[in-house]
């Protein structure tokens, strides 16, 4: 059975997720740990469950979602994984860190493993289906675990909102299409784990989201 642990890290209040099961293999998604105490919190949880992280996956490469990439990659000897279309966003992380005053930013290793729409990522006894959902960022993916009816969707959908589209590479029409043609095609009872804020469900957003209506 899949278990999902959420951490909220850094001044952007970004949600980092650890997915694991009884095999004790784990996937770390969007490690945003920036401060030492945040790194320690993540490690303490992993050690308390005797987990073995086997993958580091970014839904996208905006700064707030990769602040902990270097730490996690070095600590657990992992490669950074994501979507190839996100490479320009990754390359902007260093200037963004300087702009936002993150003087202690530890540069993320370059992404080395790339996933496409329809790929299946396996770990332990679990499978995650990859959805390509650009709009908030060009190389954005969501990870769907059908057995538990869960989707880790980064900054695509939020509870009552959607990802911003005013950052470089963002585009509202593209995001709207991603939500209507990918996210809203999932069953209503699928739980959405967001990159910021609380969880929601596909059904709730289809009924109440004021920014993108269901077709």
N, C-alpha and C. Protein backbone atom coordinates (compact mmCIF):
# COMPACT_ATOMS: atom_id res chain seq x y z
N UNK A 1 0.84 -1.20 0.00
CA UNK A 1 0.00 0.00 0.00
C UNK A 1 0.88 1.25 0.00
N UNK A 2 0.54 2.19 -0.87
CA UNK A 2 1.31 3.43 -0.94
C UNK A 2 1.02 4.31 0.26
N UNK A 3 2.08 4.90 0.80
CA UNK A 3 1.95 5.88 1.87
C UNK A 3 2.58 7.19 1.38
N UNK A 4 1.95 8.29 1.74
CA UNK A 4 2.41 9.60 1.29
C UNK A 4 2.63 10.49 2.50
N UNK A 5 3.84 11.01 2.63
CA UNK A 5 4.17 11.92 3.72
C UNK A 5 4.49 13.29 3.14
N UNK A 6 3.83 14.30 3.67
CA UNK A 6 4.03 15.68 3.18
C UNK A 6 4.85 16.48 4.17
N UNK A 7 5.76 17.27 3.64
CA UNK A 7 6.51 18.26 4.42
C UNK A 7 6.31 19.62 3.75
N UNK A 8 6.25 20.68 4.55
CA UNK A 8 6.14 22.03 3.99
C UNK A 8 7.41 22.78 4.35
N UNK A 9 8.15 23.18 3.32
CA UNK A 9 9.49 23.72 3.50
C UNK A 9 9.65 25.09 2.84
N UNK A 10 10.65 25.80 3.30
CA UNK A 10 11.19 27.05 2.76
C UNK A 10 10.19 28.20 2.80
N UNK A 11 10.67 29.43 2.59
CA UNK A 11 9.78 30.59 2.70
C UNK A 11 8.61 30.59 1.73
N UNK A 12 8.70 29.79 0.66
CA UNK A 12 7.59 29.70 -0.29
C UNK A 12 6.51 28.73 0.17
N UNK A 13 6.74 28.09 1.33
CA UNK A 13 5.78 27.11 1.87
C UNK A 13 5.47 26.03 0.82
N UNK A 14 6.53 25.46 0.30
CA UNK A 14 6.43 24.44 -0.76
C UNK A 14 6.24 23.06 -0.13
N UNK A 15 5.41 22.27 -0.76
CA UNK A 15 5.15 20.91 -0.26
C UNK A 15 6.09 19.90 -0.93
N UNK A 16 6.83 19.22 -0.09
CA UNK A 16 7.71 18.13 -0.50
C UNK A 16 7.03 16.82 -0.12
N UNK A 17 7.12 15.83 -0.98
CA UNK A 17 6.44 14.55 -0.71
C UNK A 17 7.42 13.39 -0.72
N UNK A 18 7.22 12.49 0.24
CA UNK A 18 7.92 11.21 0.26
C UNK A 18 6.88 10.12 0.07
N UNK A 19 7.02 9.35 -1.00
CA UNK A 19 6.12 8.23 -1.28
C UNK A 19 6.86 6.95 -0.97
N UNK A 20 6.21 6.03 -0.27
CA UNK A 20 6.89 4.78 0.11
C UNK A 20 5.87 3.69 0.34
N UNK A 21 6.36 2.46 0.45
CA UNK A 21 5.47 1.33 0.76
C UNK A 21 6.21 0.35 1.65
N UNK A 22 5.64 -0.84 1.83
CA UNK A 22 6.21 -1.80 2.77
C UNK A 22 7.55 -2.35 2.32
N UNK A 23 7.91 -2.15 1.06
CA UNK A 23 9.24 -2.57 0.59
C UNK A 23 10.33 -1.68 1.18
N UNK A 24 9.93 -0.52 1.70
CA UNK A 24 10.79 0.50 2.28
C UNK A 24 11.55 1.31 1.21
N UNK A 25 11.27 1.03 -0.06
CA UNK A 25 11.79 1.93 -1.09
C UNK A 25 10.95 3.20 -1.10
N UNK A 26 11.60 4.34 -1.37
CA UNK A 26 10.90 5.62 -1.31
C UNK A 26 11.28 6.49 -2.50
N UNK A 27 10.35 7.34 -2.88
CA UNK A 27 10.58 8.36 -3.90
C UNK A 27 10.39 9.72 -3.24
N UNK A 28 11.34 10.62 -3.44
CA UNK A 28 11.24 11.98 -2.91
C UNK A 28 10.87 12.90 -4.06
N UNK A 29 9.77 13.61 -3.91
CA UNK A 29 9.26 14.47 -4.97
C UNK A 29 9.35 15.93 -4.54
N UNK A 30 9.99 16.74 -5.38
CA UNK A 30 10.12 18.18 -5.16
C UNK A 30 10.72 18.54 -3.80
N UNK A 31 11.95 18.08 -3.53
CA UNK A 31 12.54 18.42 -2.23
C UNK A 31 12.83 19.92 -2.12
N UNK A 32 12.08 20.59 -1.26
CA UNK A 32 12.22 22.03 -1.11
C UNK A 32 12.96 22.43 0.15
N UNK A 33 13.57 21.47 0.84
CA UNK A 33 14.25 21.77 2.10
C UNK A 33 15.43 22.71 1.84
N UNK A 34 15.44 23.83 2.55
CA UNK A 34 16.46 24.86 2.36
C UNK A 34 17.30 25.05 3.61
N UNK A 35 16.63 25.19 4.74
CA UNK A 35 17.34 25.36 6.01
C UNK A 35 17.85 24.01 6.52
N UNK A 36 18.89 24.06 7.35
CA UNK A 36 19.45 22.83 7.91
C UNK A 36 18.40 22.05 8.69
N UNK A 37 17.56 22.74 9.46
CA UNK A 37 16.56 22.03 10.26
C UNK A 37 15.52 21.35 9.37
N UNK A 38 15.30 21.89 8.17
CA UNK A 38 14.38 21.24 7.24
C UNK A 38 15.01 19.96 6.67
N UNK A 39 16.28 20.04 6.35
CA UNK A 39 17.00 18.85 5.89
C UNK A 39 16.97 17.77 6.96
N UNK A 40 17.18 18.19 8.20
CA UNK A 40 17.19 17.23 9.31
C UNK A 40 15.82 16.61 9.53
N UNK A 41 14.76 17.38 9.34
CA UNK A 41 13.41 16.85 9.49
C UNK A 41 13.13 15.77 8.45
N UNK A 42 13.55 16.03 7.22
CA UNK A 42 13.35 15.05 6.15
C UNK A 42 14.13 13.77 6.43
N UNK A 43 15.38 13.91 6.79
CA UNK A 43 16.23 12.74 7.06
C UNK A 43 15.71 11.96 8.26
N UNK A 44 15.26 12.66 9.30
CA UNK A 44 14.76 11.99 10.50
C UNK A 44 13.56 11.11 10.16
N UNK A 45 12.68 11.61 9.30
CA UNK A 45 11.52 10.80 8.92
C UNK A 45 11.96 9.57 8.14
N UNK A 46 12.83 9.77 7.17
CA UNK A 46 13.30 8.66 6.35
C UNK A 46 13.97 7.59 7.21
N UNK A 47 14.78 8.03 8.16
CA UNK A 47 15.46 7.07 9.03
C UNK A 47 14.50 6.40 9.99
N UNK A 48 13.49 7.13 10.45
CA UNK A 48 12.54 6.55 11.40
C UNK A 48 11.73 5.43 10.78
N UNK A 49 11.56 5.48 9.47
CA UNK A 49 10.80 4.45 8.75
C UNK A 49 11.72 3.43 8.06
N UNK A 50 13.04 3.60 8.27
CA UNK A 50 14.04 2.72 7.62
C UNK A 50 13.86 2.68 6.10
N UNK A 51 13.62 3.86 5.52
CA UNK A 51 13.37 3.93 4.09
C UNK A 51 14.68 4.02 3.30
N UNK A 52 14.60 3.55 2.06
CA UNK A 52 15.71 3.67 1.12
C UNK A 52 15.23 4.50 -0.07
N UNK A 53 15.57 5.79 -0.11
CA UNK A 53 15.19 6.60 -1.27
C UNK A 53 15.86 6.08 -2.54
N UNK A 54 15.05 5.86 -3.57
CA UNK A 54 15.58 5.32 -4.83
C UNK A 54 15.39 6.29 -5.99
N UNK A 55 14.59 7.35 -5.80
CA UNK A 55 14.37 8.32 -6.86
C UNK A 55 14.15 9.72 -6.28
N UNK A 56 14.63 10.72 -7.02
CA UNK A 56 14.38 12.13 -6.73
C UNK A 56 13.72 12.70 -8.00
N UNK A 57 12.45 13.01 -7.89
CA UNK A 57 11.70 13.48 -9.06
C UNK A 57 11.19 14.90 -8.82
N UNK A 58 11.38 15.75 -9.81
CA UNK A 58 10.81 17.10 -9.77
C UNK A 58 9.62 17.18 -10.71
N UNK A 59 8.48 17.67 -10.19
CA UNK A 59 7.34 17.91 -11.08
C UNK A 59 7.68 19.02 -12.07
N UNK A 60 8.51 19.97 -11.61
CA UNK A 60 9.03 21.04 -12.45
C UNK A 60 10.22 21.63 -11.72
N UNK A 61 10.92 22.55 -12.38
CA UNK A 61 12.20 22.99 -11.85
C UNK A 61 12.20 24.43 -11.35
N UNK A 62 11.07 24.95 -10.93
CA UNK A 62 11.08 26.26 -10.28
C UNK A 62 11.88 26.17 -8.98
N UNK A 63 12.49 27.27 -8.60
CA UNK A 63 13.43 27.30 -7.49
C UNK A 63 12.87 26.67 -6.22
N UNK A 64 11.62 27.01 -5.87
CA UNK A 64 11.08 26.54 -4.59
C UNK A 64 10.94 25.03 -4.52
N UNK A 65 10.90 24.37 -5.68
CA UNK A 65 10.73 22.92 -5.72
C UNK A 65 12.06 22.18 -5.83
N UNK A 66 13.16 22.90 -5.98
CA UNK A 66 14.46 22.24 -6.14
C UNK A 66 15.49 22.72 -5.11
N UNK A 67 15.07 23.50 -4.13
CA UNK A 67 16.01 24.03 -3.15
C UNK A 67 16.76 22.92 -2.42
N UNK A 68 16.13 21.76 -2.28
CA UNK A 68 16.77 20.64 -1.58
C UNK A 68 17.35 19.59 -2.50
N UNK A 69 17.36 19.85 -3.80
CA UNK A 69 17.84 18.83 -4.74
C UNK A 69 19.28 18.40 -4.46
N UNK A 70 20.17 19.38 -4.27
CA UNK A 70 21.57 19.02 -4.06
C UNK A 70 21.74 18.18 -2.80
N UNK A 71 21.08 18.60 -1.72
CA UNK A 71 21.19 17.87 -0.47
C UNK A 71 20.71 16.43 -0.62
N UNK A 72 19.52 16.26 -1.20
CA UNK A 72 18.93 14.93 -1.34
C UNK A 72 19.75 14.07 -2.30
N UNK A 73 20.17 14.66 -3.42
CA UNK A 73 20.95 13.91 -4.41
C UNK A 73 22.25 13.40 -3.81
N UNK A 74 22.93 14.25 -3.03
CA UNK A 74 24.20 13.84 -2.42
C UNK A 74 23.98 12.85 -1.28
N UNK A 75 23.00 13.12 -0.45
CA UNK A 75 22.75 12.28 0.72
C UNK A 75 22.41 10.85 0.32
N UNK A 76 21.62 10.71 -0.73
CA UNK A 76 21.12 9.37 -1.10
C UNK A 76 21.64 8.89 -2.45
N UNK A 77 22.63 9.61 -3.01
CA UNK A 77 23.26 9.21 -4.27
C UNK A 77 22.22 9.01 -5.37
N UNK A 78 21.41 10.05 -5.59
CA UNK A 78 20.33 9.98 -6.57
C UNK A 78 20.56 10.97 -7.71
N UNK A 79 20.04 10.64 -8.87
CA UNK A 79 20.02 11.56 -10.00
C UNK A 79 18.73 12.36 -9.98
N UNK A 80 18.78 13.57 -10.50
CA UNK A 80 17.59 14.41 -10.59
C UNK A 80 16.78 13.97 -11.82
N UNK A 81 15.49 13.76 -11.62
CA UNK A 81 14.61 13.28 -12.68
C UNK A 81 13.48 14.28 -12.91
N UNK A 82 13.03 14.38 -14.15
CA UNK A 82 11.94 15.29 -14.47
C UNK A 82 11.62 15.23 -15.96
N UNK A 83 11.19 16.35 -16.52
CA UNK A 83 10.86 16.42 -17.95
C UNK A 83 11.87 17.30 -18.67
N UNK A 84 12.30 16.86 -19.84
CA UNK A 84 13.37 17.56 -20.56
C UNK A 84 12.99 18.99 -20.92
N UNK A 85 11.70 19.25 -21.14
CA UNK A 85 11.27 20.61 -21.47
C UNK A 85 11.47 21.58 -20.32
N UNK A 86 11.78 21.05 -19.13
CA UNK A 86 12.01 21.90 -17.98
C UNK A 86 13.44 22.38 -17.84
N UNK A 87 14.33 21.97 -18.73
CA UNK A 87 15.74 22.36 -18.60
C UNK A 87 15.95 23.88 -18.61
N UNK A 88 15.27 24.66 -19.47
CA UNK A 88 15.45 26.11 -19.39
C UNK A 88 15.03 26.68 -18.02
N UNK A 89 13.99 26.11 -17.42
CA UNK A 89 13.57 26.55 -16.08
C UNK A 89 14.65 26.22 -15.06
N UNK A 90 15.21 25.03 -15.16
CA UNK A 90 16.31 24.63 -14.27
C UNK A 90 17.47 25.61 -14.37
N UNK A 91 17.80 26.02 -15.59
CA UNK A 91 18.93 26.92 -15.80
C UNK A 91 18.69 28.31 -15.23
N UNK A 92 17.43 28.65 -14.96
CA UNK A 92 17.10 29.95 -14.38
C UNK A 92 17.11 29.94 -12.86
N UNK A 93 17.34 28.77 -12.26
CA UNK A 93 17.24 28.66 -10.80
C UNK A 93 18.28 29.52 -10.09
N UNK A 94 19.50 29.51 -10.59
CA UNK A 94 20.57 30.28 -9.95
C UNK A 94 20.26 31.77 -9.94
N UNK A 95 19.91 32.37 -11.09
CA UNK A 95 19.52 33.79 -11.07
C UNK A 95 18.31 34.05 -10.18
N UNK A 96 17.36 33.12 -10.17
CA UNK A 96 16.18 33.29 -9.31
C UNK A 96 16.57 33.30 -7.85
N UNK A 97 17.50 32.43 -7.47
CA UNK A 97 17.95 32.38 -6.08
C UNK A 97 18.57 33.70 -5.67
N UNK A 98 19.37 34.28 -6.55
CA UNK A 98 19.98 35.57 -6.26
C UNK A 98 18.93 36.66 -6.15
N UNK A 99 17.93 36.61 -7.03
CA UNK A 99 16.88 37.63 -7.04
C UNK A 99 16.06 37.58 -5.76
N UNK A 100 15.77 36.36 -5.28
CA UNK A 100 14.95 36.21 -4.08
C UNK A 100 15.76 36.23 -2.79
N UNK A 101 17.06 36.41 -2.89
CA UNK A 101 17.89 36.53 -1.70
C UNK A 101 18.23 35.21 -1.03
N UNK A 102 18.24 34.13 -1.79
CA UNK A 102 18.62 32.83 -1.25
C UNK A 102 20.14 32.65 -1.40
N UNK A 103 20.87 33.39 -0.56
CA UNK A 103 22.33 33.36 -0.67
C UNK A 103 22.92 32.00 -0.39
N UNK A 104 22.21 31.18 0.38
CA UNK A 104 22.73 29.86 0.73
C UNK A 104 22.26 28.77 -0.20
N UNK A 105 21.71 29.14 -1.35
CA UNK A 105 21.19 28.13 -2.28
C UNK A 105 22.30 27.20 -2.75
N UNK A 106 22.08 25.92 -2.56
CA UNK A 106 23.02 24.91 -3.05
C UNK A 106 22.52 24.45 -4.42
N UNK A 107 23.29 24.75 -5.44
CA UNK A 107 22.85 24.52 -6.81
C UNK A 107 22.42 23.08 -7.04
N UNK A 108 21.26 22.92 -7.65
CA UNK A 108 20.77 21.59 -7.98
C UNK A 108 21.65 20.94 -9.04
N UNK A 109 21.93 19.66 -8.90
CA UNK A 109 22.59 18.95 -10.00
C UNK A 109 21.71 19.02 -11.24
N UNK A 110 22.32 18.96 -12.39
CA UNK A 110 21.56 18.98 -13.64
C UNK A 110 20.69 17.74 -13.75
N UNK A 111 19.46 17.89 -14.22
CA UNK A 111 18.60 16.72 -14.42
C UNK A 111 19.25 15.75 -15.40
N UNK A 112 19.15 14.46 -15.10
CA UNK A 112 19.79 13.43 -15.93
C UNK A 112 18.82 12.37 -16.44
N UNK A 113 17.69 12.23 -15.77
CA UNK A 113 16.70 11.22 -16.17
C UNK A 113 15.42 11.94 -16.55
N UNK A 114 14.88 11.61 -17.72
CA UNK A 114 13.73 12.35 -18.23
C UNK A 114 12.55 11.42 -18.49
N UNK A 115 11.36 11.93 -18.15
CA UNK A 115 10.12 11.17 -18.29
C UNK A 115 9.17 11.89 -19.23
N UNK A 116 8.37 11.12 -19.94
CA UNK A 116 7.42 11.66 -20.90
C UNK A 116 6.00 11.21 -20.55
N UNK A 117 5.04 11.87 -21.15
CA UNK A 117 3.63 11.50 -21.02
C UNK A 117 3.45 10.00 -21.25
N UNK A 118 2.75 9.35 -20.33
CA UNK A 118 2.44 7.94 -20.49
C UNK A 118 3.48 6.99 -19.92
N UNK A 119 4.66 7.49 -19.56
CA UNK A 119 5.66 6.63 -18.93
C UNK A 119 5.15 6.15 -17.58
N UNK A 120 5.67 5.02 -17.15
CA UNK A 120 5.33 4.48 -15.83
C UNK A 120 6.61 4.38 -15.01
N UNK A 121 6.62 5.03 -13.86
CA UNK A 121 7.76 5.02 -12.95
C UNK A 121 7.47 3.98 -11.86
N UNK A 122 8.37 3.02 -11.71
CA UNK A 122 8.14 1.95 -10.74
C UNK A 122 9.14 2.05 -9.59
N UNK A 123 8.66 1.77 -8.39
CA UNK A 123 9.52 1.64 -7.22
C UNK A 123 8.78 0.75 -6.22
N UNK A 124 9.54 -0.01 -5.43
CA UNK A 124 8.88 -0.93 -4.52
C UNK A 124 7.87 -1.77 -5.28
N UNK A 125 6.65 -1.79 -4.76
CA UNK A 125 5.57 -2.48 -5.46
C UNK A 125 4.61 -1.53 -6.13
N UNK A 126 5.08 -0.29 -6.39
CA UNK A 126 4.18 0.77 -6.84
C UNK A 126 4.50 1.23 -8.27
N UNK A 127 3.50 1.81 -8.92
CA UNK A 127 3.66 2.37 -10.26
C UNK A 127 3.02 3.75 -10.31
N UNK A 128 3.76 4.70 -10.88
CA UNK A 128 3.27 6.07 -11.06
C UNK A 128 3.18 6.37 -12.55
N UNK A 129 2.00 6.78 -13.00
CA UNK A 129 1.84 7.18 -14.40
C UNK A 129 2.19 8.65 -14.55
N UNK A 130 2.95 8.97 -15.59
CA UNK A 130 3.38 10.34 -15.84
C UNK A 130 2.39 11.04 -16.76
N UNK A 131 1.92 12.22 -16.33
CA UNK A 131 1.14 13.11 -17.17
C UNK A 131 1.99 14.34 -17.48
N UNK A 132 1.99 14.77 -18.74
CA UNK A 132 2.68 16.00 -19.12
C UNK A 132 1.67 17.13 -19.06
N UNK A 133 1.86 18.07 -18.12
CA UNK A 133 0.86 19.10 -17.84
C UNK A 133 1.52 20.49 -17.80
N UNK A 134 2.02 20.98 -18.94
CA UNK A 134 2.66 22.29 -18.96
C UNK A 134 1.66 23.43 -18.79
N UNK A 135 2.21 24.62 -18.60
CA UNK A 135 1.38 25.82 -18.47
C UNK A 135 1.87 26.70 -17.34
N UNK A 136 2.02 26.10 -16.15
CA UNK A 136 2.67 26.82 -15.05
C UNK A 136 4.17 26.90 -15.32
N UNK A 137 4.69 25.82 -15.83
CA UNK A 137 6.09 25.74 -16.26
C UNK A 137 6.13 24.84 -17.50
N UNK A 138 7.07 25.08 -18.41
CA UNK A 138 7.07 24.33 -19.68
C UNK A 138 7.25 22.83 -19.51
N UNK A 139 8.05 22.40 -18.55
CA UNK A 139 8.33 20.97 -18.41
C UNK A 139 7.66 20.35 -17.22
N UNK A 140 6.40 20.65 -17.01
CA UNK A 140 5.70 20.21 -15.79
C UNK A 140 5.08 18.83 -15.99
N UNK A 141 5.28 17.97 -15.00
CA UNK A 141 4.62 16.66 -15.00
C UNK A 141 3.82 16.48 -13.72
N UNK A 142 2.84 15.58 -13.79
CA UNK A 142 2.10 15.13 -12.61
C UNK A 142 2.27 13.61 -12.55
N UNK A 143 2.21 13.08 -11.34
CA UNK A 143 2.44 11.65 -11.12
C UNK A 143 1.19 11.04 -10.52
N UNK A 144 0.60 10.09 -11.23
CA UNK A 144 -0.68 9.49 -10.83
C UNK A 144 -0.46 8.09 -10.29
N UNK A 145 -0.96 7.84 -9.10
CA UNK A 145 -0.95 6.49 -8.52
C UNK A 145 -2.40 6.01 -8.50
N UNK A 146 -2.74 5.19 -9.48
CA UNK A 146 -4.14 4.82 -9.67
C UNK A 146 -4.67 3.94 -8.53
N UNK A 147 -3.84 3.08 -7.99
CA UNK A 147 -4.31 2.15 -6.96
C UNK A 147 -4.85 2.89 -5.74
N UNK A 148 -4.17 3.97 -5.34
CA UNK A 148 -4.61 4.75 -4.18
C UNK A 148 -5.44 5.96 -4.57
N UNK A 149 -5.67 6.14 -5.88
CA UNK A 149 -6.44 7.28 -6.38
C UNK A 149 -5.82 8.60 -5.94
N UNK A 150 -4.52 8.70 -6.21
CA UNK A 150 -3.76 9.88 -5.79
C UNK A 150 -3.00 10.46 -6.97
N UNK A 151 -2.82 11.78 -6.95
CA UNK A 151 -1.99 12.43 -7.97
C UNK A 151 -1.17 13.54 -7.32
N UNK A 152 0.14 13.45 -7.51
CA UNK A 152 1.05 14.50 -7.06
C UNK A 152 1.19 15.45 -8.25
N UNK A 153 0.61 16.66 -8.12
CA UNK A 153 0.47 17.49 -9.32
C UNK A 153 1.26 18.79 -9.29
N UNK A 154 2.20 18.92 -8.36
CA UNK A 154 3.01 20.12 -8.34
C UNK A 154 2.15 21.37 -8.29
N UNK A 155 2.43 22.32 -9.18
CA UNK A 155 1.73 23.61 -9.16
C UNK A 155 0.74 23.75 -10.32
N UNK A 156 0.07 22.67 -10.67
CA UNK A 156 -0.95 22.73 -11.73
C UNK A 156 -2.28 23.14 -11.13
N UNK A 157 -2.84 22.30 -10.29
CA UNK A 157 -4.09 22.58 -9.58
C UNK A 157 -3.80 22.82 -8.10
N UNK A 158 -4.50 23.76 -7.52
CA UNK A 158 -4.51 23.96 -6.07
C UNK A 158 -5.95 23.86 -5.59
N UNK A 159 -6.13 23.80 -4.30
CA UNK A 159 -7.47 23.81 -3.74
C UNK A 159 -8.10 25.17 -4.02
N UNK A 160 -9.02 25.22 -4.98
CA UNK A 160 -9.69 26.47 -5.32
C UNK A 160 -8.88 27.40 -6.20
N UNK A 161 -7.77 26.93 -6.74
CA UNK A 161 -6.94 27.82 -7.54
C UNK A 161 -6.14 27.00 -8.56
N UNK A 162 -5.26 27.70 -9.26
CA UNK A 162 -4.38 27.05 -10.25
C UNK A 162 -3.00 27.69 -10.14
N UNK A 163 -2.02 27.06 -10.78
CA UNK A 163 -0.68 27.62 -10.77
C UNK A 163 -0.62 28.96 -11.50
N UNK A 164 0.27 29.83 -11.05
CA UNK A 164 0.43 31.12 -11.71
C UNK A 164 1.06 30.91 -13.08
N UNK A 165 0.76 31.82 -13.99
CA UNK A 165 1.26 31.69 -15.36
C UNK A 165 2.05 32.92 -15.81
N UNK A 166 2.43 33.76 -14.84
CA UNK A 166 3.14 34.99 -15.19
C UNK A 166 4.66 34.85 -15.06
N UNK A 167 5.14 33.65 -14.76
CA UNK A 167 6.57 33.42 -14.70
C UNK A 167 7.07 33.02 -16.10
N UNK A 168 8.38 33.17 -16.36
CA UNK A 168 8.90 32.81 -17.69
C UNK A 168 8.52 31.38 -18.09
N UNK A 169 7.99 31.26 -19.29
CA UNK A 169 7.57 29.94 -19.77
C UNK A 169 6.15 29.58 -19.40
N UNK A 170 5.50 30.41 -18.60
CA UNK A 170 4.12 30.15 -18.21
C UNK A 170 3.15 30.63 -19.28
N UNK A 171 2.00 29.96 -19.37
CA UNK A 171 1.00 30.36 -20.35
C UNK A 171 -0.36 29.86 -19.88
N UNK A 172 -1.31 30.77 -19.71
CA UNK A 172 -2.61 30.40 -19.15
C UNK A 172 -3.35 29.41 -20.04
N UNK A 173 -3.38 29.67 -21.34
CA UNK A 173 -4.14 28.78 -22.24
C UNK A 173 -3.57 27.36 -22.21
N UNK A 174 -2.25 27.26 -22.11
CA UNK A 174 -1.61 25.94 -22.03
C UNK A 174 -1.98 25.25 -20.73
N UNK A 175 -1.96 26.01 -19.63
CA UNK A 175 -2.31 25.43 -18.33
C UNK A 175 -3.77 25.00 -18.32
N UNK A 176 -4.64 25.84 -18.86
CA UNK A 176 -6.07 25.50 -18.93
C UNK A 176 -6.26 24.19 -19.69
N UNK A 177 -5.55 24.04 -20.79
CA UNK A 177 -5.66 22.82 -21.59
C UNK A 177 -5.16 21.61 -20.80
N UNK A 178 -4.06 21.78 -20.09
CA UNK A 178 -3.52 20.69 -19.28
C UNK A 178 -4.53 20.24 -18.22
N UNK A 179 -5.17 21.22 -17.59
CA UNK A 179 -6.13 20.90 -16.54
C UNK A 179 -7.38 20.23 -17.12
N UNK A 180 -7.92 20.82 -18.18
CA UNK A 180 -9.17 20.28 -18.74
C UNK A 180 -8.97 18.93 -19.43
N UNK A 181 -7.84 18.77 -20.12
CA UNK A 181 -7.64 17.56 -20.93
C UNK A 181 -6.88 16.46 -20.22
N UNK A 182 -6.23 16.79 -19.11
CA UNK A 182 -5.47 15.77 -18.38
C UNK A 182 -6.01 15.60 -16.95
N UNK A 183 -5.94 16.65 -16.17
CA UNK A 183 -6.32 16.54 -14.76
C UNK A 183 -7.81 16.22 -14.60
N UNK A 184 -8.66 16.97 -15.32
CA UNK A 184 -10.10 16.78 -15.17
C UNK A 184 -10.60 15.49 -15.82
N UNK A 185 -9.73 14.78 -16.53
CA UNK A 185 -10.12 13.49 -17.09
C UNK A 185 -9.92 12.36 -16.07
N UNK A 186 -9.23 12.65 -14.99
CA UNK A 186 -9.09 11.67 -13.92
C UNK A 186 -10.41 11.53 -13.18
N UNK A 187 -10.66 10.40 -12.53
CA UNK A 187 -11.91 10.22 -11.78
C UNK A 187 -12.07 11.27 -10.67
N UNK A 188 -13.32 11.61 -10.39
CA UNK A 188 -13.62 12.67 -9.43
C UNK A 188 -13.07 12.40 -8.03
N UNK A 189 -12.95 11.12 -7.67
CA UNK A 189 -12.53 10.81 -6.30
C UNK A 189 -11.01 10.74 -6.14
N UNK A 190 -10.26 11.09 -7.17
CA UNK A 190 -8.81 11.10 -7.05
C UNK A 190 -8.38 12.30 -6.19
N UNK A 191 -7.51 12.03 -5.23
CA UNK A 191 -7.02 13.06 -4.33
C UNK A 191 -5.82 13.76 -4.96
N UNK A 192 -5.82 15.08 -4.91
CA UNK A 192 -4.75 15.87 -5.52
C UNK A 192 -3.84 16.42 -4.43
N UNK A 193 -2.58 16.04 -4.51
CA UNK A 193 -1.56 16.54 -3.58
C UNK A 193 -0.84 17.69 -4.28
N UNK A 194 -0.99 18.88 -3.73
CA UNK A 194 -0.57 20.11 -4.40
C UNK A 194 0.83 20.55 -3.97
N UNK A 195 1.45 21.38 -4.80
CA UNK A 195 2.77 21.89 -4.49
C UNK A 195 2.78 22.95 -3.41
N UNK A 196 1.63 23.50 -3.10
CA UNK A 196 1.47 24.47 -2.01
C UNK A 196 0.06 24.27 -1.45
N UNK A 197 -0.09 24.45 -0.15
CA UNK A 197 -1.43 24.41 0.43
C UNK A 197 -1.96 23.00 0.62
N UNK A 198 -3.26 22.91 0.95
CA UNK A 198 -3.87 21.62 1.28
C UNK A 198 -4.21 20.78 0.06
N UNK A 199 -4.59 19.54 0.34
CA UNK A 199 -5.03 18.64 -0.72
C UNK A 199 -6.44 19.02 -1.17
N UNK A 200 -6.81 18.50 -2.34
CA UNK A 200 -8.17 18.66 -2.84
C UNK A 200 -8.52 17.39 -3.61
N UNK A 201 -9.63 17.40 -4.32
CA UNK A 201 -9.97 16.26 -5.17
C UNK A 201 -10.29 16.78 -6.57
N UNK A 202 -10.19 15.89 -7.54
CA UNK A 202 -10.52 16.25 -8.91
C UNK A 202 -11.97 16.72 -8.99
N UNK A 203 -12.88 16.00 -8.35
CA UNK A 203 -14.29 16.34 -8.39
C UNK A 203 -14.58 17.71 -7.81
N UNK A 204 -13.93 18.02 -6.69
CA UNK A 204 -14.14 19.33 -6.06
C UNK A 204 -13.71 20.45 -6.99
N UNK A 205 -12.56 20.29 -7.62
CA UNK A 205 -12.07 21.35 -8.51
C UNK A 205 -12.92 21.47 -9.76
N UNK A 206 -13.38 20.37 -10.31
CA UNK A 206 -14.26 20.43 -11.48
C UNK A 206 -15.54 21.19 -11.16
N UNK A 207 -16.02 21.06 -9.93
CA UNK A 207 -17.28 21.69 -9.54
C UNK A 207 -17.11 23.14 -9.11
N UNK A 208 -15.97 23.46 -8.49
CA UNK A 208 -15.88 24.75 -7.80
C UNK A 208 -14.72 25.64 -8.22
N UNK A 209 -13.76 25.13 -8.99
CA UNK A 209 -12.60 25.95 -9.32
C UNK A 209 -13.02 27.12 -10.22
N UNK A 210 -12.77 28.33 -9.75
CA UNK A 210 -13.23 29.52 -10.47
C UNK A 210 -12.34 29.89 -11.65
N UNK A 211 -11.16 29.31 -11.73
CA UNK A 211 -10.19 29.70 -12.75
C UNK A 211 -10.26 28.83 -14.00
N UNK A 212 -10.49 27.54 -13.80
CA UNK A 212 -10.62 26.62 -14.94
C UNK A 212 -11.84 25.74 -14.71
N UNK A 213 -12.84 25.93 -15.55
CA UNK A 213 -14.07 25.14 -15.45
C UNK A 213 -13.92 23.82 -16.20
N UNK A 214 -14.65 22.82 -15.74
CA UNK A 214 -14.72 21.57 -16.49
C UNK A 214 -15.49 21.81 -17.78
N UNK A 215 -15.04 21.20 -18.85
CA UNK A 215 -15.71 21.39 -20.14
C UNK A 215 -17.05 20.66 -20.16
